[in-house]
Full PDB file with SEQRES, HELIX, SHEET, SSBOND, CRYST1, ORIGX, SCALE, CONECT and MASTER records, all heavy atoms in Angstrom:
SEQRES   1 A   41  LEU ASN LEU VAL SER LEU PRO ILE TYR SER MET LEU GLU          
SEQRES   2 A   41  GLN VAL GLU ALA GLY PHE GLU LEU GLU ALA GLU LYS LYS          
SEQRES   3 A   41  GLY ILE THR PHE GLU ILE ALA SER ARG PRO LYS ASP LEU          
SEQRES   4 A   41  THR ILE                                                      
HELIX    1 AA1 ILE A    8  GLY A   18  1                                  11    
HELIX    2 AA2 GLU A   20  LYS A   26  1                                   7    
CRYST1    1.000    1.000    1.000  90.00  90.00  90.00 P 1           1          
ORIGX1      1.000000  0.000000  0.000000        0.00000                         
ORIGX2      0.000000  1.000000  0.000000        0.00000                         
ORIGX3      0.000000  0.000000  1.000000        0.00000                         
SCALE1      1.000000  0.000000  0.000000        0.00000                         
SCALE2      0.000000  1.000000  0.000000        0.00000                         
SCALE3      0.000000  0.000000  1.000000        0.00000                         
ATOM      1  N   LEU A   1     132.865-104.282 251.971  1.00  0.00           N  
ATOM      2  CA  LEU A   1     131.791-104.235 252.960  1.00  0.00           C  
ATOM      3  C   LEU A   1     131.151-105.610 253.107  1.00  0.00           C  
ATOM      4  O   LEU A   1     130.993-106.348 252.135  1.00  0.00           O  
ATOM      5  CB  LEU A   1     130.726-103.222 252.537  1.00  0.00           C  
ATOM      6  CG  LEU A   1     131.158-101.755 252.457  1.00  0.00           C  
ATOM      7  CD1 LEU A   1     130.012-100.915 251.898  1.00  0.00           C  
ATOM      8  CD2 LEU A   1     131.577-101.235 253.817  1.00  0.00           C  
ATOM      9  N   ASN A   2     130.775-105.937 254.340  1.00  0.00           N  
ATOM     10  CA  ASN A   2     130.028-107.156 254.616  1.00  0.00           C  
ATOM     11  C   ASN A   2     128.559-106.773 254.714  1.00  0.00           C  
ATOM     12  O   ASN A   2     128.020-106.538 255.800  1.00  0.00           O  
ATOM     13  CB  ASN A   2     130.528-107.794 255.922  1.00  0.00           C  
ATOM     14  CG  ASN A   2     129.778-109.069 256.259  1.00  0.00           C  
ATOM     15  OD1 ASN A   2     129.273-109.752 255.366  1.00  0.00           O  
ATOM     16  ND2 ASN A   2     129.681-109.373 257.553  1.00  0.00           N  
ATOM     17  N   LEU A   3     127.892-106.696 253.563  1.00  0.00           N  
ATOM     18  CA  LEU A   3     126.531-106.178 253.506  1.00  0.00           C  
ATOM     19  C   LEU A   3     125.508-107.222 253.934  1.00  0.00           C  
ATOM     20  O   LEU A   3     125.514-108.350 253.438  1.00  0.00           O  
ATOM     21  CB  LEU A   3     126.211-105.690 252.088  1.00  0.00           C  
ATOM     22  CG  LEU A   3     127.060-104.526 251.557  1.00  0.00           C  
ATOM     23  CD1 LEU A   3     126.690-104.224 250.112  1.00  0.00           C  
ATOM     24  CD2 LEU A   3     126.893-103.290 252.423  1.00  0.00           C  
ATOM     25  N   VAL A   4     124.638-106.818 254.870  1.00  0.00           N  
ATOM     26  CA  VAL A   4     123.523-107.664 255.311  1.00  0.00           C  
ATOM     27  C   VAL A   4     122.303-106.766 255.478  1.00  0.00           C  
ATOM     28  O   VAL A   4     122.412-105.546 255.547  1.00  0.00           O  
ATOM     29  CB  VAL A   4     123.841-108.378 256.650  1.00  0.00           C  
ATOM     30  CG1 VAL A   4     125.021-109.314 256.500  1.00  0.00           C  
ATOM     31  CG2 VAL A   4     124.076-107.371 257.761  1.00  0.00           C  
ATOM     32  N   SER A   5     121.128-107.378 255.554  1.00  0.00           N  
ATOM     33  CA  SER A   5     119.906-106.617 255.826  1.00  0.00           C  
ATOM     34  C   SER A   5     119.917-106.207 257.287  1.00  0.00           C  
ATOM     35  O   SER A   5     119.982-107.057 258.186  1.00  0.00           O  
ATOM     36  CB  SER A   5     118.669-107.468 255.506  1.00  0.00           C  
ATOM     37  OG  SER A   5     118.593-107.724 254.132  1.00  0.00           O  
ATOM     38  N   LEU A   6     119.848-104.912 257.544  1.00  0.00           N  
ATOM     39  CA  LEU A   6     120.036-104.380 258.889  1.00  0.00           C  
ATOM     40  C   LEU A   6     118.801-103.581 259.320  1.00  0.00           C  
ATOM     41  O   LEU A   6     118.518-102.515 258.759  1.00  0.00           O  
ATOM     42  CB  LEU A   6     121.274-103.487 258.909  1.00  0.00           C  
ATOM     43  CG  LEU A   6     121.695-102.900 260.244  1.00  0.00           C  
ATOM     44  CD1 LEU A   6     122.097-104.002 261.220  1.00  0.00           C  
ATOM     45  CD2 LEU A   6     122.855-101.929 260.059  1.00  0.00           C  
ATOM     46  N   PRO A   7     118.044-104.063 260.350  1.00  0.00           N  
ATOM     47  CA  PRO A   7     116.920-103.287 260.889  1.00  0.00           C  
ATOM     48  C   PRO A   7     117.464-102.077 261.665  1.00  0.00           C  
ATOM     49  O   PRO A   7     118.137-102.238 262.682  1.00  0.00           O  
ATOM     50  CB  PRO A   7     116.211-104.271 261.821  1.00  0.00           C  
ATOM     51  CG  PRO A   7     116.775-105.621 261.499  1.00  0.00           C  
ATOM     52  CD  PRO A   7     118.157-105.385 260.988  1.00  0.00           C  
ATOM     53  N   ILE A   8     117.183-100.900 261.192  1.00  0.00           N  
ATOM     54  CA  ILE A   8     117.776 -99.691 261.762  1.00  0.00           C  
ATOM     55  C   ILE A   8     117.372 -99.472 263.211  1.00  0.00           C  
ATOM     56  O   ILE A   8     118.207 -99.163 264.067  1.00  0.00           O  
ATOM     57  CB  ILE A   8     117.388 -98.465 260.904  1.00  0.00           C  
ATOM     58  CG1 ILE A   8     118.054 -98.557 259.534  1.00  0.00           C  
ATOM     59  CG2 ILE A   8     117.813 -97.163 261.589  1.00  0.00           C  
ATOM     60  CD1 ILE A   8     119.553 -98.463 259.566  1.00  0.00           C  
ATOM     61  N   TYR A   9     116.094 -99.620 263.526  1.00  0.00           N  
ATOM     62  CA  TYR A   9     115.632 -99.302 264.881  1.00  0.00           C  
ATOM     63  C   TYR A   9     116.303-100.203 265.915  1.00  0.00           C  
ATOM     64  O   TYR A   9     116.729 -99.736 266.978  1.00  0.00           O  
ATOM     65  CB  TYR A   9     114.103 -99.440 264.974  1.00  0.00           C  
ATOM     66  CG  TYR A   9     113.536 -98.867 266.252  1.00  0.00           C  
ATOM     67  CD1 TYR A   9     113.331 -97.502 266.395  1.00  0.00           C  
ATOM     68  CD2 TYR A   9     113.217 -99.695 267.328  1.00  0.00           C  
ATOM     69  CE1 TYR A   9     112.825 -96.965 267.565  1.00  0.00           C  
ATOM     70  CE2 TYR A   9     112.706 -99.177 268.506  1.00  0.00           C  
ATOM     71  CZ  TYR A   9     112.510 -97.804 268.617  1.00  0.00           C  
ATOM     72  OH  TYR A   9     112.017 -97.285 269.789  1.00  0.00           O  
ATOM     73  N   SER A  10     116.424-101.494 265.608  1.00  0.00           N  
ATOM     74  CA  SER A  10     117.080-102.425 266.538  1.00  0.00           C  
ATOM     75  C   SER A  10     118.540-102.037 266.737  1.00  0.00           C  
ATOM     76  O   SER A  10     119.065-102.095 267.865  1.00  0.00           O  
ATOM     77  CB  SER A  10     116.990-103.857 266.005  1.00  0.00           C  
ATOM     78  OG  SER A  10     115.654-104.262 265.890  1.00  0.00           O  
ATOM     79  N   MET A  11     119.199-101.630 265.651  1.00  0.00           N  
ATOM     80  CA  MET A  11     120.591-101.228 265.771  1.00  0.00           C  
ATOM     81  C   MET A  11     120.723 -99.982 266.650  1.00  0.00           C  
ATOM     82  O   MET A  11     121.627 -99.893 267.496  1.00  0.00           O  
ATOM     83  CB  MET A  11     121.172-100.948 264.382  1.00  0.00           C  
ATOM     84  CG  MET A  11     122.662-100.625 264.399  1.00  0.00           C  
ATOM     85  SD  MET A  11     123.242 -99.837 262.872  1.00  0.00           S  
ATOM     86  CE  MET A  11     122.437 -98.246 262.993  1.00  0.00           C  
ATOM     87  N   LEU A  12     119.815 -99.021 266.472  1.00  0.00           N  
ATOM     88  CA  LEU A  12     119.861 -97.799 267.279  1.00  0.00           C  
ATOM     89  C   LEU A  12     119.656 -98.107 268.761  1.00  0.00           C  
ATOM     90  O   LEU A  12     120.291 -97.487 269.635  1.00  0.00           O  
ATOM     91  CB  LEU A  12     118.810 -96.799 266.792  1.00  0.00           C  
ATOM     92  CG  LEU A  12     119.011 -96.238 265.377  1.00  0.00           C  
ATOM     93  CD1 LEU A  12     117.896 -95.253 265.030  1.00  0.00           C  
ATOM     94  CD2 LEU A  12     120.364 -95.568 265.235  1.00  0.00           C  
ATOM     95  N   GLU A  13     118.793 -99.063 269.069  1.00  0.00           N  
ATOM     96  CA  GLU A  13     118.582 -99.457 270.474  1.00  0.00           C  
ATOM     97  C   GLU A  13     119.862-100.057 271.064  1.00  0.00           C  
ATOM     98  O   GLU A  13     120.218 -99.781 272.216  1.00  0.00           O  
ATOM     99  CB  GLU A  13     117.435-100.469 270.569  1.00  0.00           C  
ATOM    100  CG  GLU A  13     116.059 -99.867 270.363  1.00  0.00           C  
ATOM    101  CD  GLU A  13     114.949-100.887 270.542  1.00  0.00           C  
ATOM    102  OE1 GLU A  13     115.127-102.042 270.085  1.00  0.00           O  
ATOM    103  OE2 GLU A  13     113.906-100.541 271.120  1.00  0.00           O  
ATOM    104  N   GLN A  14     120.551-100.876 270.283  1.00  0.00           N  
ATOM    105  CA  GLN A  14     121.794-101.477 270.763  1.00  0.00           C  
ATOM    106  C   GLN A  14     122.877-100.413 270.963  1.00  0.00           C  
ATOM    107  O   GLN A  14     123.624-100.460 271.940  1.00  0.00           O  
ATOM    108  CB  GLN A  14     122.267-102.542 269.765  1.00  0.00           C  
ATOM    109  CG  GLN A  14     121.360-103.759 269.672  1.00  0.00           C  
ATOM    110  CD  GLN A  14     121.809-104.729 268.588  1.00  0.00           C  
ATOM    111  OE1 GLN A  14     122.954-104.696 268.148  1.00  0.00           O  
ATOM    112  NE2 GLN A  14     120.900-105.591 268.154  1.00  0.00           N  
ATOM    113  N   VAL A  15     122.937 -99.450 270.045  1.00  0.00           N  
ATOM    114  CA  VAL A  15     123.911 -98.362 270.182  1.00  0.00           C  
ATOM    115  C   VAL A  15     123.628 -97.559 271.444  1.00  0.00           C  
ATOM    116  O   VAL A  15     124.539 -97.238 272.222  1.00  0.00           O  
ATOM    117  CB  VAL A  15     123.875 -97.441 268.935  1.00  0.00           C  
ATOM    118  CG1 VAL A  15     124.694 -96.175 269.180  1.00  0.00           C  
ATOM    119  CG2 VAL A  15     124.405 -98.177 267.715  1.00  0.00           C  
ATOM    120  N   GLU A  16     122.358 -97.252 271.694  1.00  0.00           N  
ATOM    121  CA  GLU A  16     121.984 -96.492 272.891  1.00  0.00           C  
ATOM    122  C   GLU A  16     122.362 -97.253 274.155  1.00  0.00           C  
ATOM    123  O   GLU A  16     122.903 -96.665 275.108  1.00  0.00           O  
ATOM    124  CB  GLU A  16     120.487 -96.216 272.892  1.00  0.00           C  
ATOM    125  CG  GLU A  16     120.028 -95.440 274.118  1.00  0.00           C  
ATOM    126  CD  GLU A  16     118.530 -95.552 274.366  1.00  0.00           C  
ATOM    127  OE1 GLU A  16     117.881 -96.385 273.709  1.00  0.00           O  
ATOM    128  OE2 GLU A  16     118.024 -94.822 275.225  1.00  0.00           O  
ATOM    129  N   ALA A  17     122.113 -98.544 274.150  1.00  0.00           N  
ATOM    130  CA  ALA A  17     122.422 -99.354 275.338  1.00  0.00           C  
ATOM    131  C   ALA A  17     123.913 -99.309 275.660  1.00  0.00           C  
ATOM    132  O   ALA A  17     124.306 -99.314 276.836  1.00  0.00           O  
ATOM    133  CB  ALA A  17     121.963-100.792 275.111  1.00  0.00           C  
ATOM    134  N   GLY A  18     124.754 -99.256 274.634  1.00  0.00           N  
ATOM    135  CA  GLY A  18     126.192 -99.226 274.854  1.00  0.00           C  
ATOM    136  C   GLY A  18     126.680 -97.941 275.503  1.00  0.00           C  
ATOM    137  O   GLY A  18     127.765 -97.913 276.098  1.00  0.00           O  
ATOM    138  N   PHE A  19     125.911 -96.867 275.388  1.00  0.00           N  
ATOM    139  CA  PHE A  19     126.314 -95.568 275.948  1.00  0.00           C  
ATOM    140  C   PHE A  19     125.455 -95.157 277.145  1.00  0.00           C  
ATOM    141  O   PHE A  19     125.575 -94.038 277.632  1.00  0.00           O  
ATOM    142  CB  PHE A  19     126.218 -94.476 274.870  1.00  0.00           C  
ATOM    143  CG  PHE A  19     127.288 -94.561 273.818  1.00  0.00           C  
ATOM    144  CD1 PHE A  19     127.065 -95.241 272.633  1.00  0.00           C  
ATOM    145  CD2 PHE A  19     128.514 -93.963 274.030  1.00  0.00           C  
ATOM    146  CE1 PHE A  19     128.044 -95.315 271.668  1.00  0.00           C  
ATOM    147  CE2 PHE A  19     129.511 -94.022 273.063  1.00  0.00           C  
ATOM    148  CZ  PHE A  19     129.279 -94.710 271.881  1.00  0.00           C  
ATOM    149  N   GLU A  20     124.622 -96.054 277.605  1.00  0.00           N  
ATOM    150  CA  GLU A  20     123.646 -95.691 278.642  1.00  0.00           C  
ATOM    151  C   GLU A  20     124.308 -95.199 279.925  1.00  0.00           C  
ATOM    152  O   GLU A  20     123.935 -94.155 280.477  1.00  0.00           O  
ATOM    153  CB  GLU A  20     122.752 -96.900 278.943  1.00  0.00           C  
ATOM    154  CG  GLU A  20     121.542 -96.559 279.783  1.00  0.00           C  
ATOM    155  CD  GLU A  20     120.574 -97.725 279.901  1.00  0.00           C  
ATOM    156  OE1 GLU A  20     120.795 -98.763 279.249  1.00  0.00           O  
ATOM    157  OE2 GLU A  20     119.603 -97.569 280.651  1.00  0.00           O  
ATOM    158  N   LEU A  21     125.306 -95.930 280.425  1.00  0.00           N  
ATOM    159  CA  LEU A  21     125.957 -95.554 281.683  1.00  0.00           C  
ATOM    160  C   LEU A  21     126.706 -94.231 281.552  1.00  0.00           C  
ATOM    161  O   LEU A  21     126.607 -93.349 282.417  1.00  0.00           O  
ATOM    162  CB  LEU A  21     126.920 -96.662 282.131  1.00  0.00           C  
ATOM    163  CG  LEU A  21     126.278 -97.985 282.561  1.00  0.00           C  
ATOM    164  CD1 LEU A  21     127.349 -99.008 282.901  1.00  0.00           C  
ATOM    165  CD2 LEU A  21     125.365 -97.760 283.770  1.00  0.00           C  
ATOM    166  N   GLU A  22     127.463 -94.078 280.461  1.00  0.00           N  
ATOM    167  CA  GLU A  22     128.216 -92.840 280.265  1.00  0.00           C  
ATOM    168  C   GLU A  22     127.284 -91.646 280.101  1.00  0.00           C  
ATOM    169  O   GLU A  22     127.552 -90.553 280.629  1.00  0.00           O  
ATOM    170  CB  GLU A  22     129.131 -92.967 279.038  1.00  0.00           C  
ATOM    171  CG  GLU A  22     130.104 -91.812 278.890  1.00  0.00           C  
ATOM    172  CD  GLU A  22     131.087 -92.020 277.744  1.00  0.00           C  
ATOM    173  OE1 GLU A  22     131.065 -93.107 277.121  1.00  0.00           O  
ATOM    174  OE2 GLU A  22     131.865 -91.091 277.478  1.00  0.00           O  
ATOM    175  N   ALA A  23     126.159 -91.848 279.393  1.00  0.00           N  
ATOM    176  CA  ALA A  23     125.195 -90.764 279.210  1.00  0.00           C  
ATOM    177  C   ALA A  23     124.558 -90.368 280.537  1.00  0.00           C  
ATOM    178  O   ALA A  23     124.326 -89.186 280.804  1.00  0.00           O  
ATOM    179  CB  ALA A  23     124.120 -91.204 278.217  1.00  0.00           C  
ATOM    180  N   GLU A  24     124.310 -91.355 281.377  1.00  0.00           N  
ATOM    181  CA  GLU A  24     123.715 -91.072 282.686  1.00  0.00           C  
ATOM    182  C   GLU A  24     124.658 -90.244 283.553  1.00  0.00           C  
ATOM    183  O   GLU A  24     124.237 -89.308 284.244  1.00  0.00           O  
ATOM    184  CB  GLU A  24     123.372 -92.396 283.392  1.00  0.00           C  
ATOM    185  CG  GLU A  24     122.566 -92.206 284.668  1.00  0.00           C  
ATOM    186  CD  GLU A  24     122.156 -93.535 285.276  1.00  0.00           C  
ATOM    187  OE1 GLU A  24     122.188 -94.572 284.565  1.00  0.00           O  
ATOM    188  OE2 GLU A  24     121.808 -93.548 286.475  1.00  0.00           O  
ATOM    189  N   LYS A  25     125.951 -90.551 283.502  1.00  0.00           N  
ATOM    190  CA  LYS A  25     126.939 -89.781 284.269  1.00  0.00           C  
ATOM    191  C   LYS A  25     126.995 -88.332 283.799  1.00  0.00           C  
ATOM    192  O   LYS A  25     127.204 -87.407 284.593  1.00  0.00           O  
ATOM    193  CB  LYS A  25     128.326 -90.411 284.114  1.00  0.00           C  
ATOM    194  CG  LYS A  25     128.489 -91.740 284.824  1.00  0.00           C  
ATOM    195  CD  LYS A  25     129.889 -92.283 284.600  1.00  0.00           C  
ATOM    196  CE  LYS A  25     130.062 -93.652 285.247  1.00  0.00           C  
ATOM    197  NZ  LYS A  25     131.418 -94.207 284.986  1.00  0.00           N  
ATOM    198  N   LYS A  26     126.818 -88.123 282.483  1.00  0.00           N  
ATOM    199  CA  LYS A  26     126.910 -86.777 281.922  1.00  0.00           C  
ATOM    200  C   LYS A  26     125.574 -86.045 281.923  1.00  0.00           C  
ATOM    201  O   LYS A  26     125.480 -84.891 281.492  1.00  0.00           O  
ATOM    202  CB  LYS A  26     127.453 -86.841 280.489  1.00  0.00           C  
ATOM    203  CG  LYS A  26     128.893 -87.334 280.393  1.00  0.00           C  
ATOM    204  CD  LYS A  26     129.356 -87.386 278.949  1.00  0.00           C  
ATOM    205  CE  LYS A  26     130.812 -87.822 278.850  1.00  0.00           C  
ATOM    206  NZ  LYS A  26     131.746 -86.788 279.355  1.00  0.00           N  
ATOM    207  N   GLY A  27     124.513 -86.724 282.386  1.00  0.00           N  
ATOM    208  CA  GLY A  27     123.199 -86.097 282.407  1.00  0.00           C  
ATOM    209  C   GLY A  27     122.591 -85.931 281.033  1.00  0.00           C  
ATOM    210  O   GLY A  27     121.866 -84.964 280.777  1.00  0.00           O  
ATOM    211  N   ILE A  28     122.883 -86.871 280.150  1.00  0.00           N  
ATOM    212  CA  ILE A  28     122.387 -86.820 278.767  1.00  0.00           C  
ATOM    213  C   ILE A  28     121.363 -87.931 278.557  1.00  0.00           C  
ATOM    214  O   ILE A  28     121.571 -89.073 278.984  1.00  0.00           O  
ATOM    215  CB  ILE A  28     123.534 -86.964 277.753  1.00  0.00           C  
ATOM    216  CG1 ILE A  28     124.497 -85.772 277.876  1.00  0.00           C  
ATOM    217  CG2 ILE A  28     123.001 -87.044 276.325  1.00  0.00           C  
ATOM    218  CD1 ILE A  28     125.727 -85.886 276.991  1.00  0.00           C  
ATOM    219  N   THR A  29     120.255 -87.608 277.904  1.00  0.00           N  
ATOM    220  CA  THR A  29     119.243 -88.612 277.565  1.00  0.00           C  
ATOM    221  C   THR A  29     119.224 -88.837 276.056  1.00  0.00           C  
ATOM    222  O   THR A  29     119.569 -87.938 275.276  1.00  0.00           O  
ATOM    223  CB  THR A  29     117.844 -88.163 278.009  1.00  0.00           C  
ATOM    224  OG1 THR A  29     117.523 -86.915 277.387  1.00  0.00           O  
ATOM    225  CG2 THR A  29     117.795 -88.005 279.534  1.00  0.00           C  
ATOM    226  N   PHE A  30     118.820 -90.041 275.652  1.00  0.00           N  
ATOM    227  CA  PHE A  30     118.727 -90.395 274.233  1.00  0.00           C  
ATOM    228  C   PHE A  30     117.278 -90.357 273.777  1.00  0.00           C  
ATOM    229  O   PHE A  30     116.362 -90.669 274.539  1.00  0.00           O  
ATOM    230  CB  PHE A  30     119.301 -91.798 273.989  1.00  0.00           C  
ATOM    231  CG  PHE A  30     120.800 -91.834 273.872  1.00  0.00           C  
ATOM    232  CD1 PHE A  30     121.583 -92.103 274.981  1.00  0.00           C  
ATOM    233  CD2 PHE A  30     121.424 -91.591 272.667  1.00  0.00           C  
ATOM    234  CE1 PHE A  30     122.956 -92.138 274.888  1.00  0.00           C  
ATOM    235  CE2 PHE A  30     122.801 -91.628 272.562  1.00  0.00           C  
ATOM    236  CZ  PHE A  30     123.564 -91.902 273.675  1.00  0.00           C  
ATOM    237  N   GLU A  31     117.111 -89.998 272.501  1.00  0.00           N  
ATOM    238  CA  GLU A  31     115.804 -90.082 271.851  1.00  0.00           C  
ATOM    239  C   GLU A  31     115.987 -90.810 270.527  1.00  0.00           C  
ATOM    240  O   GLU A  31     116.809 -90.401 269.699  1.00  0.00           O  
ATOM    241  CB  GLU A  31     115.225 -88.681 271.612  1.00  0.00           C  
ATOM    242  CG  GLU A  31     113.866 -88.694 270.937  1.00  0.00           C  
ATOM    243  CD  GLU A  31     113.337 -87.294 270.674  1.00  0.00           C  
ATOM    244  OE1 GLU A  31     113.469 -86.436 271.559  1.00  0.00           O  
ATOM    245  OE2 GLU A  31     112.797 -87.059 269.567  1.00  0.00           O  
ATOM    246  N   ILE A  32     115.246 -91.903 270.344  1.00  0.00           N  
ATOM    247  CA  ILE A  32     115.390 -92.731 269.146  1.00  0.00           C  
ATOM    248  C   ILE A  32     114.105 -92.669 268.331  1.00  0.00           C  
ATOM    249  O   ILE A  32     113.000 -92.742 268.883  1.00  0.00           O  
ATOM    250  CB  ILE A  32     115.697 -94.199 269.517  1.00  0.00           C  
ATOM    251  CG1 ILE A  32     117.007 -94.279 270.306  1.00  0.00           C  
ATOM    252  CG2 ILE A  32     115.793 -95.051 268.267  1.00  0.00           C  
ATOM    253  CD1 ILE A  32     117.321 -95.676 270.774  1.00  0.00           C  
ATOM    254  N   ALA A  33     114.240 -92.565 267.016  1.00  0.00           N  
ATOM    255  CA  ALA A  33     113.080 -92.563 266.125  1.00  0.00           C  
ATOM    256  C   ALA A  33     113.458 -93.169 264.788  1.00  0.00           C  
ATOM    257  O   ALA A  33     114.563 -92.931 264.282  1.00  0.00           O  
ATOM    258  CB  ALA A  33     112.547 -91.145 265.938  1.00  0.00           C  
ATOM    259  N   SER A  34     112.548 -93.971 264.236  1.00  0.00           N  
ATOM    260  CA  SER A  34     112.749 -94.555 262.907  1.00  0.00           C  
ATOM    261  C   SER A  34     111.420 -94.487 262.159  1.00  0.00           C  
ATOM    262  O   SER A  34     110.392 -94.951 262.664  1.00  0.00           O  
ATOM    263  CB  SER A  34     113.216 -96.009 263.016  1.00  0.00           C  
ATOM    264  OG  SER A  34     113.319 -96.596 261.734  1.00  0.00           O  
ATOM    265  N   ARG A  35     111.454 -93.907 260.979  1.00  0.00           N  
ATOM    266  CA  ARG A  35     110.231 -93.748 260.192  1.00  0.00           C  
ATOM    267  C   ARG A  35     110.466 -94.328 258.796  1.00  0.00           C  
ATOM    268  O   ARG A  35     111.245 -93.746 258.033  1.00  0.00           O  
ATOM    269  CB  ARG A  35     109.868 -92.254 260.087  1.00  0.00           C  
ATOM    270  CG  ARG A  35     109.775 -91.565 261.447  1.00  0.00           C  
ATOM    271  CD  ARG A  35     109.437 -90.077 261.262  1.00  0.00           C  
ATOM    272  NE  ARG A  35     109.513 -89.369 262.528  1.00  0.00           N  
ATOM    273  CZ  ARG A  35     110.597 -88.728 262.979  1.00  0.00           C  
ATOM    274  NH1 ARG A  35     111.709 -88.732 262.249  1.00  0.00           N  
ATOM    275  NH2 ARG A  35     110.580 -88.099 264.134  1.00  0.00           N  
ATOM    276  N   PRO A  36     109.841 -95.503 258.480  1.00  0.00           N  
ATOM    277  CA  PRO A  36     108.977 -96.320 259.337  1.00  0.00           C  
ATOM    278  C   PRO A  36     109.800 -97.081 260.372  1.00  0.00           C  
ATOM    279  O   PRO A  36     111.022 -97.186 260.251  1.00  0.00           O  
ATOM    280  CB  PRO A  36     108.315 -97.262 258.339  1.00  0.00           C  
ATOM    281  CG  PRO A  36     109.314 -97.390 257.237  1.00  0.00           C  
ATOM    282  CD  PRO A  36     109.992 -96.062 257.134  1.00  0.00           C  
ATOM    283  N   LYS A  37     109.114 -97.629 261.353  1.00  0.00           N  
ATOM    284  CA  LYS A  37     109.824 -98.284 262.450  1.00  0.00           C  
ATOM    285  C   LYS A  37     110.524 -99.558 261.997  1.00  0.00           C  
ATOM    286  O   LYS A  37     111.545 -99.969 262.550  1.00  0.00           O  
ATOM    287  CB  LYS A  37     108.858 -98.600 263.595  1.00  0.00           C  
ATOM    288  CG  LYS A  37     109.562 -98.937 264.904  1.00  0.00           C  
ATOM    289  CD  LYS A  37     108.611 -98.926 266.068  1.00  0.00           C  
ATOM    290  CE  LYS A  37     109.361 -99.178 267.382  1.00  0.00           C  
ATOM    291  NZ  LYS A  37     108.478 -99.128 268.558  1.00  0.00           N  
ATOM    292  N   ASP A  38     109.982-100.206 260.958  1.00  0.00           N  
ATOM    293  CA  ASP A  38     110.586-101.449 260.451  1.00  0.00           C  
ATOM    294  C   ASP A  38     111.573-101.175 259.309  1.00  0.00           C  
ATOM    295  O   ASP A  38     111.855-102.069 258.504  1.00  0.00           O  
ATOM    296  CB  ASP A  38     109.502-102.420 259.985  1.00  0.00           C  
ATOM    297  CG  ASP A  38     108.667-101.852 258.851  1.00  0.00           C  
ATOM    298  OD1 ASP A  38     108.782-100.636 258.555  1.00  0.00           O  
ATOM    299  OD2 ASP A  38     107.889-102.617 258.242  1.00  0.00           O  
ATOM    300  N   LEU A  39     112.092 -99.962 259.236  1.00  0.00           N  
ATOM    301  CA  LEU A  39     113.034 -99.572 258.178  1.00  0.00           C  
ATOM    302  C   LEU A  39     114.261-100.486 258.190  1.00  0.00           C  
ATOM    303  O   LEU A  39     114.902-100.673 259.225  1.00  0.00           O  
ATOM    304  CB  LEU A  39     113.463 -98.117 258.369  1.00  0.00           C  
ATOM    305  CG  LEU A  39     114.508 -97.561 257.392  1.00  0.00           C  
ATOM    306  CD1 LEU A  39     114.018 -97.638 255.960  1.00  0.00           C  
ATOM    307  CD2 LEU A  39     114.859 -96.123 257.763  1.00  0.00           C  
ATOM    308  N   THR A  40     114.566-101.060 257.026  1.00  0.00           N  
ATOM    309  CA  THR A  40     115.705-101.980 256.880  1.00  0.00           C  
ATOM    310  C   THR A  40     116.546-101.548 255.677  1.00  0.00           C  
ATOM    311  O   THR A  40     116.003-101.218 254.627  1.00  0.00           O  
ATOM    312  CB  THR A  40     115.218-103.426 256.677  1.00  0.00           C  
ATOM    313  OG1 THR A  40     114.427-103.810 257.805  1.00  0.00           O  
ATOM    314  CG2 THR A  40     116.398-104.381 256.550  1.00  0.00           C  
ATOM    315  N   ILE A  41     117.861-101.552 255.867  1.00  0.00           N  
ATOM    316  CA  ILE A  41     118.759-101.218 254.761  1.00  0.00           C  
ATOM    317  C   ILE A  41     119.836-102.293 254.675  1.00  0.00           C  
ATOM    318  O   ILE A  41     120.032-103.077 255.603  1.00  0.00           O  
ATOM    319  CB  ILE A  41     119.422 -99.841 254.934  1.00  0.00           C  
ATOM    320  CG1 ILE A  41     120.395 -99.857 256.123  1.00  0.00           C  
ATOM    321  CG2 ILE A  41     118.386 -98.751 255.103  1.00  0.00           C  
ATOM    322  CD1 ILE A  41     121.265 -98.612 256.213  1.00  0.00           C  
TER     323      ILE A  41                                                      
MASTER        0    0    0    2    0    0    0    6  322    1    0    4          
END                                                                             
């Protein structure tokens, strides 16, 4: 594994952006939540 400190919320936003067009075609919306918001692993 190439382990680095990864801010989860930012990663989830990038993942959502990658599926935005396909989700719109299928009528699907995304909901993102991170508790705490600055959660890093």
